[in-house]
PDB file of all heavy atoms in Angstrom:
ATOM      1  N   SER A   1     -34.930  -0.638  80.413  1.00  0.00           N
ATOM      2  CA  SER A   1     -33.703  -0.485  79.640  1.00  0.00           C
ATOM      3  C   SER A   1     -32.843   0.634  80.184  1.00  0.00           C
ATOM      4  O   SER A   1     -31.609   0.575  80.128  1.00  0.00           O
ATOM      5  CB  SER A   1     -34.044  -0.211  78.170  1.00  0.00           C
ATOM      6  OG  SER A   1     -34.787  -1.284  77.626  1.00  0.00           O
ATOM      7  N   ALA A   2     -33.476   1.674  80.726  1.00  0.00           N
ATOM      8  CA  ALA A   2     -32.725   2.792  81.295  1.00  0.00           C
ATOM      9  C   ALA A   2     -31.907   2.369  82.499  1.00  0.00           C
ATOM     10  O   ALA A   2     -30.957   3.059  82.889  1.00  0.00           O
ATOM     11  CB  ALA A   2     -33.683   3.917  81.682  1.00  0.00           C
ATOM     12  N   LYS A   3     -32.259   1.224  83.090  1.00  0.00           N
ATOM     13  CA  LYS A   3     -31.497   0.720  84.230  1.00  0.00           C
ATOM     14  C   LYS A   3     -30.194   0.049  83.794  1.00  0.00           C
ATOM     15  O   LYS A   3     -29.327  -0.225  84.625  1.00  0.00           O
ATOM     16  CB  LYS A   3     -32.339  -0.274  85.014  1.00  0.00           C
ATOM     17  CG  LYS A   3     -33.621   0.314  85.595  1.00  0.00           C
ATOM     18  CD  LYS A   3     -34.452  -0.767  86.257  1.00  0.00           C
ATOM     19  CE  LYS A   3     -35.783  -0.209  86.784  1.00  0.00           C
ATOM     20  NZ  LYS A   3     -36.615  -1.272  87.395  1.00  0.00           N
ATOM     21  N   ALA A   4     -30.078  -0.229  82.478  1.00  0.00           N
ATOM     22  CA  ALA A   4     -28.885  -0.913  81.978  1.00  0.00           C
ATOM     23  C   ALA A   4     -28.070  -0.085  80.997  1.00  0.00           C
ATOM     24  O   ALA A   4     -26.878  -0.320  80.823  1.00  0.00           O
ATOM     25  CB  ALA A   4     -29.287  -2.227  81.308  1.00  0.00           C
ATOM     26  N   ILE A   5     -28.725   0.894  80.331  1.00  0.00           N
ATOM     27  CA  ILE A   5     -28.046   1.714  79.328  1.00  0.00           C
ATOM     28  C   ILE A   5     -28.137   3.170  79.748  1.00  0.00           C
ATOM     29  O   ILE A   5     -29.234   3.723  79.837  1.00  0.00           O
ATOM     30  CB  ILE A   5     -28.678   1.529  77.933  1.00  0.00           C
ATOM     31  CG1 ILE A   5     -28.612   0.054  77.520  1.00  0.00           C
ATOM     32  CG2 ILE A   5     -27.976   2.398  76.907  1.00  0.00           C
ATOM     33  CD1 ILE A   5     -29.322  -0.236  76.228  1.00  0.00           C
ATOM     34  N   PRO A   6     -27.022   3.841  80.019  1.00  0.00           N
ATOM     35  CA  PRO A   6     -27.079   5.232  80.491  1.00  0.00           C
ATOM     36  C   PRO A   6     -27.506   6.189  79.385  1.00  0.00           C
ATOM     37  O   PRO A   6     -27.071   6.077  78.242  1.00  0.00           O
ATOM     38  CB  PRO A   6     -25.637   5.511  80.933  1.00  0.00           C
ATOM     39  CG  PRO A   6     -24.798   4.565  80.137  1.00  0.00           C
ATOM     40  CD  PRO A   6     -25.644   3.338  79.934  1.00  0.00           C
ATOM     41  N   MET A   7     -28.397   7.111  79.715  1.00  0.00           N
ATOM     42  CA  MET A   7     -28.847   8.150  78.794  1.00  0.00           C
ATOM     43  C   MET A   7     -28.917   9.459  79.573  1.00  0.00           C
ATOM     44  O   MET A   7     -29.933   9.783  80.187  1.00  0.00           O
ATOM     45  CB  MET A   7     -30.215   7.799  78.216  1.00  0.00           C
ATOM     46  CG  MET A   7     -30.203   6.611  77.281  1.00  0.00           C
ATOM     47  SD  MET A   7     -29.387   6.963  75.701  1.00  0.00           S
ATOM     48  CE  MET A   7     -30.610   8.005  74.927  1.00  0.00           C
ATOM     49  N   GLU A   8     -27.830  10.209  79.570  1.00  0.00           N
ATOM     50  CA  GLU A   8     -27.779  11.458  80.332  1.00  0.00           C
ATOM     51  C   GLU A   8     -28.690  12.507  79.700  1.00  0.00           C
ATOM     52  O   GLU A   8     -28.723  12.677  78.494  1.00  0.00           O
ATOM     53  CB  GLU A   8     -26.341  11.975  80.380  1.00  0.00           C
ATOM     54  CG  GLU A   8     -25.386  11.077  81.168  1.00  0.00           C
ATOM     55  CD  GLU A   8     -23.995  11.661  81.264  1.00  0.00           C
ATOM     56  OE1 GLU A   8     -23.811  12.806  80.806  1.00  0.00           O
ATOM     57  OE2 GLU A   8     -23.100  10.986  81.783  1.00  0.00           O
ATOM     58  N   GLY A   9     -29.429  13.201  80.547  1.00  0.00           N
ATOM     59  CA  GLY A   9     -30.297  14.277  80.086  1.00  0.00           C
ATOM     60  C   GLY A   9     -31.602  13.818  79.492  1.00  0.00           C
ATOM     61  O   GLY A   9     -32.355  14.632  78.951  1.00  0.00           O
ATOM     62  N   LEU A  10     -31.903  12.513  79.552  1.00  0.00           N
ATOM     63  CA  LEU A  10     -33.125  11.998  78.947  1.00  0.00           C
ATOM     64  C   LEU A  10     -33.733  10.941  79.843  1.00  0.00           C
ATOM     65  O   LEU A  10     -33.072   9.988  80.254  1.00  0.00           O
ATOM     66  CB  LEU A  10     -32.817  11.398  77.566  1.00  0.00           C
ATOM     67  CG  LEU A  10     -33.992  10.803  76.800  1.00  0.00           C
ATOM     68  CD1 LEU A  10     -35.016  11.880  76.475  1.00  0.00           C
ATOM     69  CD2 LEU A  10     -33.508  10.136  75.511  1.00  0.00           C
ATOM     70  N   ASP A  11     -35.004  11.119  80.161  1.00  0.00           N
ATOM     71  CA  ASP A  11     -35.767  10.128  80.900  1.00  0.00           C
ATOM     72  C   ASP A  11     -36.832   9.574  79.962  1.00  0.00           C
ATOM     73  O   ASP A  11     -37.531  10.335  79.282  1.00  0.00           O
ATOM     74  CB  ASP A  11     -36.436  10.760  82.130  1.00  0.00           C
ATOM     75  CG  ASP A  11     -35.416  11.323  83.113  1.00  0.00           C
ATOM     76  OD1 ASP A  11     -34.379  10.669  83.307  1.00  0.00           O
ATOM     77  OD2 ASP A  11     -35.667  12.412  83.662  1.00  0.00           O
ATOM     78  N   TYR A  12     -36.990   8.257  79.927  1.00  0.00           N
ATOM     79  CA  TYR A  12     -37.963   7.671  79.017  1.00  0.00           C
ATOM     80  C   TYR A  12     -38.611   6.448  79.642  1.00  0.00           C
ATOM     81  O   TYR A  12     -37.994   5.698  80.396  1.00  0.00           O
ATOM     82  CB  TYR A  12     -37.312   7.296  77.681  1.00  0.00           C
ATOM     83  CG  TYR A  12     -36.008   6.535  77.797  1.00  0.00           C
ATOM     84  CD1 TYR A  12     -35.993   5.155  77.933  1.00  0.00           C
ATOM     85  CD2 TYR A  12     -34.785   7.206  77.763  1.00  0.00           C
ATOM     86  CE1 TYR A  12     -34.801   4.458  78.024  1.00  0.00           C
ATOM     87  CE2 TYR A  12     -33.590   6.525  77.872  1.00  0.00           C
ATOM     88  CZ  TYR A  12     -33.608   5.147  77.997  1.00  0.00           C
ATOM     89  OH  TYR A  12     -32.426   4.461  78.097  1.00  0.00           O
ATOM     90  N   THR A  13     -39.888   6.289  79.312  1.00  0.00           N
ATOM     91  CA  THR A  13     -40.651   5.116  79.725  1.00  0.00           C
ATOM     92  C   THR A  13     -41.532   4.687  78.552  1.00  0.00           C
ATOM     93  O   THR A  13     -41.674   5.408  77.565  1.00  0.00           O
ATOM     94  CB  THR A  13     -41.531   5.418  80.952  1.00  0.00           C
ATOM     95  OG1 THR A  13     -42.441   6.487  80.623  1.00  0.00           O
ATOM     96  CG2 THR A  13     -40.708   5.808  82.158  1.00  0.00           C
ATOM     97  N   GLY A  14     -42.131   3.510  78.674  1.00  0.00           N
ATOM     98  CA  GLY A  14     -43.006   3.002  77.626  1.00  0.00           C
ATOM     99  C   GLY A  14     -42.470   1.733  77.006  1.00  0.00           C
ATOM    100  O   GLY A  14     -41.422   1.211  77.415  1.00  0.00           O
ATOM    101  N   ASN A  15     -43.184   1.240  75.998  1.00  0.00           N
ATOM    102  CA  ASN A  15     -42.826  -0.016  75.347  1.00  0.00           C
ATOM    103  C   ASN A  15     -42.703   0.162  73.845  1.00  0.00           C
ATOM    104  O   ASN A  15     -43.486   0.899  73.226  1.00  0.00           O
ATOM    105  CB  ASN A  15     -43.868  -1.093  75.639  1.00  0.00           C
ATOM    106  CG  ASN A  15     -43.820  -1.572  77.077  1.00  0.00           C
ATOM    107  OD1 ASN A  15     -44.320  -0.924  77.972  1.00  0.00           O
ATOM    108  ND2 ASN A  15     -43.187  -2.712  77.296  1.00  0.00           N
ATOM    109  N   VAL A  16     -41.704  -0.516  73.272  1.00  0.00           N
ATOM    110  CA  VAL A  16     -41.504  -0.553  71.826  1.00  0.00           C
ATOM    111  C   VAL A  16     -41.505  -2.015  71.397  1.00  0.00           C
ATOM    112  O   VAL A  16     -40.684  -2.804  71.870  1.00  0.00           O
ATOM    113  CB  VAL A  16     -40.172   0.110  71.404  1.00  0.00           C
ATOM    114  CG1 VAL A  16     -39.992   0.012  69.894  1.00  0.00           C
ATOM    115  CG2 VAL A  16     -40.126   1.559  71.865  1.00  0.00           C
ATOM    116  N   LYS A  17     -42.430  -2.350  70.498  1.00  0.00           N
ATOM    117  CA  LYS A  17     -42.500  -3.710  69.969  1.00  0.00           C
ATOM    118  C   LYS A  17     -42.254  -3.666  68.465  1.00  0.00           C
ATOM    119  O   LYS A  17     -42.835  -2.852  67.755  1.00  0.00           O
ATOM    120  CB  LYS A  17     -43.866  -4.333  70.252  1.00  0.00           C
ATOM    121  CG  LYS A  17     -44.176  -4.537  71.732  1.00  0.00           C
ATOM    122  CD  LYS A  17     -45.525  -5.229  71.922  1.00  0.00           C
ATOM    123  CE  LYS A  17     -45.807  -5.466  73.396  1.00  0.00           C
ATOM    124  NZ  LYS A  17     -47.107  -6.169  73.608  1.00  0.00           N
ATOM    125  N   ALA A  18     -41.376  -4.543  67.998  1.00  0.00           N
ATOM    126  CA  ALA A  18     -41.067  -4.583  66.566  1.00  0.00           C
ATOM    127  C   ALA A  18     -40.920  -6.029  66.121  1.00  0.00           C
ATOM    128  O   ALA A  18     -40.346  -6.862  66.827  1.00  0.00           O
ATOM    129  CB  ALA A  18     -39.778  -3.816  66.266  1.00  0.00           C
ATOM    130  N   ASP A  19     -41.459  -6.315  64.955  1.00  0.00           N
ATOM    131  CA  ASP A  19     -41.318  -7.633  64.327  1.00  0.00           C
ATOM    132  C   ASP A  19     -41.253  -7.390  62.823  1.00  0.00           C
ATOM    133  O   ASP A  19     -42.277  -7.282  62.144  1.00  0.00           O
ATOM    134  CB  ASP A  19     -42.501  -8.526  64.684  1.00  0.00           C
ATOM    135  CG  ASP A  19     -42.275  -9.984  64.265  1.00  0.00           C
ATOM    136  OD1 ASP A  19     -41.293 -10.240  63.534  1.00  0.00           O
ATOM    137  OD2 ASP A  19     -43.077 -10.855  64.662  1.00  0.00           O
ATOM    138  N   LEU A  20     -40.021  -7.275  62.291  1.00  0.00           N
ATOM    139  CA  LEU A  20     -39.808  -6.851  60.914  1.00  0.00           C
ATOM    140  C   LEU A  20     -38.975  -7.879  60.162  1.00  0.00           C
ATOM    141  O   LEU A  20     -37.993  -8.409  60.684  1.00  0.00           O
ATOM    142  CB  LEU A  20     -39.102  -5.494  60.877  1.00  0.00           C
ATOM    143  CG  LEU A  20     -39.793  -4.346  61.630  1.00  0.00           C
ATOM    144  CD1 LEU A  20     -38.881  -3.134  61.697  1.00  0.00           C
ATOM    145  CD2 LEU A  20     -41.101  -3.982  60.955  1.00  0.00           C
ATOM    146  N   ASN A  21     -39.363  -8.136  58.912  1.00  0.00           N
ATOM    147  CA  ASN A  21     -38.674  -9.090  58.063  1.00  0.00           C
ATOM    148  C   ASN A  21     -38.516  -8.466  56.687  1.00  0.00           C
ATOM    149  O   ASN A  21     -39.508  -8.003  56.092  1.00  0.00           O
ATOM    150  CB  ASN A  21     -39.487 -10.385  57.965  1.00  0.00           C
ATOM    151  CG  ASN A  21     -38.602 -11.588  57.715  1.00  0.00           C
ATOM    152  OD1 ASN A  21     -37.576 -11.463  57.060  1.00  0.00           O
ATOM    153  ND2 ASN A  21     -38.997 -12.735  58.227  1.00  0.00           N
ATOM    154  N   PHE A  22     -37.272  -8.458  56.171  1.00  0.00           N
ATOM    155  CA  PHE A  22     -37.005  -7.749  54.924  1.00  0.00           C
ATOM    156  C   PHE A  22     -36.044  -8.557  54.068  1.00  0.00           C
ATOM    157  O   PHE A  22     -35.052  -9.090  54.566  1.00  0.00           O
ATOM    158  CB  PHE A  22     -36.396  -6.376  55.227  1.00  0.00           C
ATOM    159  CG  PHE A  22     -35.971  -5.607  54.010  1.00  0.00           C
ATOM    160  CD1 PHE A  22     -36.910  -4.987  53.206  1.00  0.00           C
ATOM    161  CD2 PHE A  22     -34.635  -5.498  53.666  1.00  0.00           C
ATOM    162  CE1 PHE A  22     -36.526  -4.275  52.084  1.00  0.00           C
ATOM    163  CE2 PHE A  22     -34.232  -4.791  52.550  1.00  0.00           C
ATOM    164  CZ  PHE A  22     -35.188  -4.173  51.760  1.00  0.00           C
ATOM    165  N   ALA A  23     -36.336  -8.655  52.777  1.00  0.00           N
ATOM    166  CA  ALA A  23     -35.435  -9.318  51.821  1.00  0.00           C
ATOM    167  C   ALA A  23     -35.661  -8.712  50.443  1.00  0.00           C
ATOM    168  O   ALA A  23     -36.795  -8.684  49.950  1.00  0.00           O
ATOM    169  CB  ALA A  23     -35.694 -10.823  51.791  1.00  0.00           C
ATOM    170  N   ALA A  24     -34.576  -8.207  49.834  1.00  0.00           N
ATOM    171  CA  ALA A  24     -34.737  -7.564  48.530  1.00  0.00           C
ATOM    172  C   ALA A  24     -33.395  -7.328  47.870  1.00  0.00           C
ATOM    173  O   ALA A  24     -32.363  -7.225  48.537  1.00  0.00           O
ATOM    174  CB  ALA A  24     -35.472  -6.237  48.671  1.00  0.00           C
ATOM    175  N   LYS A  25     -33.432  -7.196  46.537  1.00  0.00           N
ATOM    176  CA  LYS A  25     -32.309  -6.696  45.755  1.00  0.00           C
ATOM    177  C   LYS A  25     -32.599  -5.252  45.377  1.00  0.00           C
ATOM    178  O   LYS A  25     -33.741  -4.889  45.095  1.00  0.00           O
ATOM    179  CB  LYS A  25     -32.120  -7.517  44.484  1.00  0.00           C
ATOM    180  CG  LYS A  25     -31.595  -8.920  44.677  1.00  0.00           C
ATOM    181  CD  LYS A  25     -31.402  -9.580  43.323  1.00  0.00           C
ATOM    182  CE  LYS A  25     -30.830 -10.982  43.453  1.00  0.00           C
ATOM    183  NZ  LYS A  25     -30.636 -11.609  42.121  1.00  0.00           N
ATOM    184  N   MET A  26     -31.567  -4.433  45.367  1.00  0.00           N
ATOM    185  CA  MET A  26     -31.752  -3.042  44.996  1.00  0.00           C
ATOM    186  C   MET A  26     -32.301  -2.914  43.579  1.00  0.00           C
ATOM    187  O   MET A  26     -33.116  -2.038  43.286  1.00  0.00           O
ATOM    188  CB  MET A  26     -30.435  -2.281  45.118  1.00  0.00           C
ATOM    189  CG  MET A  26     -30.545  -0.794  44.788  1.00  0.00           C
ATOM    190  SD  MET A  26     -31.721   0.093  45.833  1.00  0.00           S
ATOM    191  CE  MET A  26     -30.784   0.176  47.352  1.00  0.00           C
ATOM    192  N   SER A  27     -31.898  -3.808  42.686  1.00  0.00           N
ATOM    193  CA  SER A  27     -32.387  -3.740  41.303  1.00  0.00           C
ATOM    194  C   SER A  27     -33.890  -3.954  41.235  1.00  0.00           C
ATOM    195  O   SER A  27     -34.583  -3.342  40.407  1.00  0.00           O
ATOM    196  CB  SER A  27     -31.668  -4.775  40.434  1.00  0.00           C
ATOM    197  OG  SER A  27     -31.827  -6.080  40.963  1.00  0.00           O
ATOM    198  N   ASP A  28     -34.436  -4.814  42.082  1.00  0.00           N
ATOM    199  CA  ASP A  28     -35.884  -5.025  42.099  1.00  0.00           C
ATOM    200  C   ASP A  28     -36.614  -3.794  42.626  1.00  0.00           C
ATOM    201  O   ASP A  28     -37.705  -3.455  42.155  1.00  0.00           O
ATOM    202  CB  ASP A  28     -36.235  -6.245  42.948  1.00  0.00           C
ATOM    203  CG  ASP A  28     -35.887  -7.552  42.266  1.00  0.00           C
ATOM    204  OD1 ASP A  28     -35.934  -7.595  41.020  1.00  0.00           O
ATOM    205  OD2 ASP A  28     -35.546  -8.521  42.969  1.00  0.00           O
ATOM    206  N   ILE A  29     -36.008  -3.129  43.604  1.00  0.00           N
ATOM    207  CA  ILE A  29     -36.618  -1.904  44.113  1.00  0.00           C
ATOM    208  C   ILE A  29     -36.582  -0.816  43.050  1.00  0.00           C
ATOM    209  O   ILE A  29     -37.560  -0.089  42.849  1.00  0.00           O
ATOM    210  CB  ILE A  29     -35.890  -1.444  45.390  1.00  0.00           C
ATOM    211  CG1 ILE A  29     -36.106  -2.473  46.503  1.00  0.00           C
ATOM    212  CG2 ILE A  29     -36.381  -0.070  45.839  1.00  0.00           C
ATOM    213  CD1 ILE A  29     -35.303  -2.195  47.751  1.00  0.00           C
ATOM    214  N   ASP A  30     -35.450  -0.709  42.334  1.00  0.00           N
ATOM    215  CA  ASP A  30     -35.348   0.282  41.260  1.00  0.00           C
ATOM    216  C   ASP A  30     -36.403   0.057  40.186  1.00  0.00           C
ATOM    217  O   ASP A  30     -36.974   1.013  39.649  1.00  0.00           O
ATOM    218  CB  ASP A  30     -33.951   0.223  40.628  1.00  0.00           C
ATOM    219  CG  ASP A  30     -32.880   0.760  41.558  1.00  0.00           C
ATOM    220  OD1 ASP A  30     -33.225   1.547  42.460  1.00  0.00           O
ATOM    221  OD2 ASP A  30     -31.706   0.388  41.391  1.00  0.00           O
ATOM    222  N   LYS A  31     -36.677  -1.205  39.858  1.00  0.00           N
ATOM    223  CA  LYS A  31     -37.658  -1.537  38.822  1.00  0.00           C
ATOM    224  C   LYS A  31     -39.084  -1.598  39.362  1.00  0.00           C
ATOM    225  O   LYS A  31     -40.016  -1.882  38.613  1.00  0.00           O
ATOM    226  CB  LYS A  31     -37.297  -2.884  38.179  1.00  0.00           C
ATOM    227  CG  LYS A  31     -35.995  -2.875  37.403  1.00  0.00           C
ATOM    228  CD  LYS A  31     -35.707  -4.221  36.745  1.00  0.00           C
ATOM    229  CE  LYS A  31     -35.443  -5.297  37.779  1.00  0.00           C
ATOM    230  NZ  LYS A  31     -35.005  -6.570  37.159  1.00  0.00           N
TER     231      LYS A  31
END
């Protein structure tokens, strides 16, 4: 990704994997 998105002053390597699914009403969270 660093080869396509510039990030001055920061070098990074490694892998990030995410698989997230979310559905809710705020009222249900409040209750």
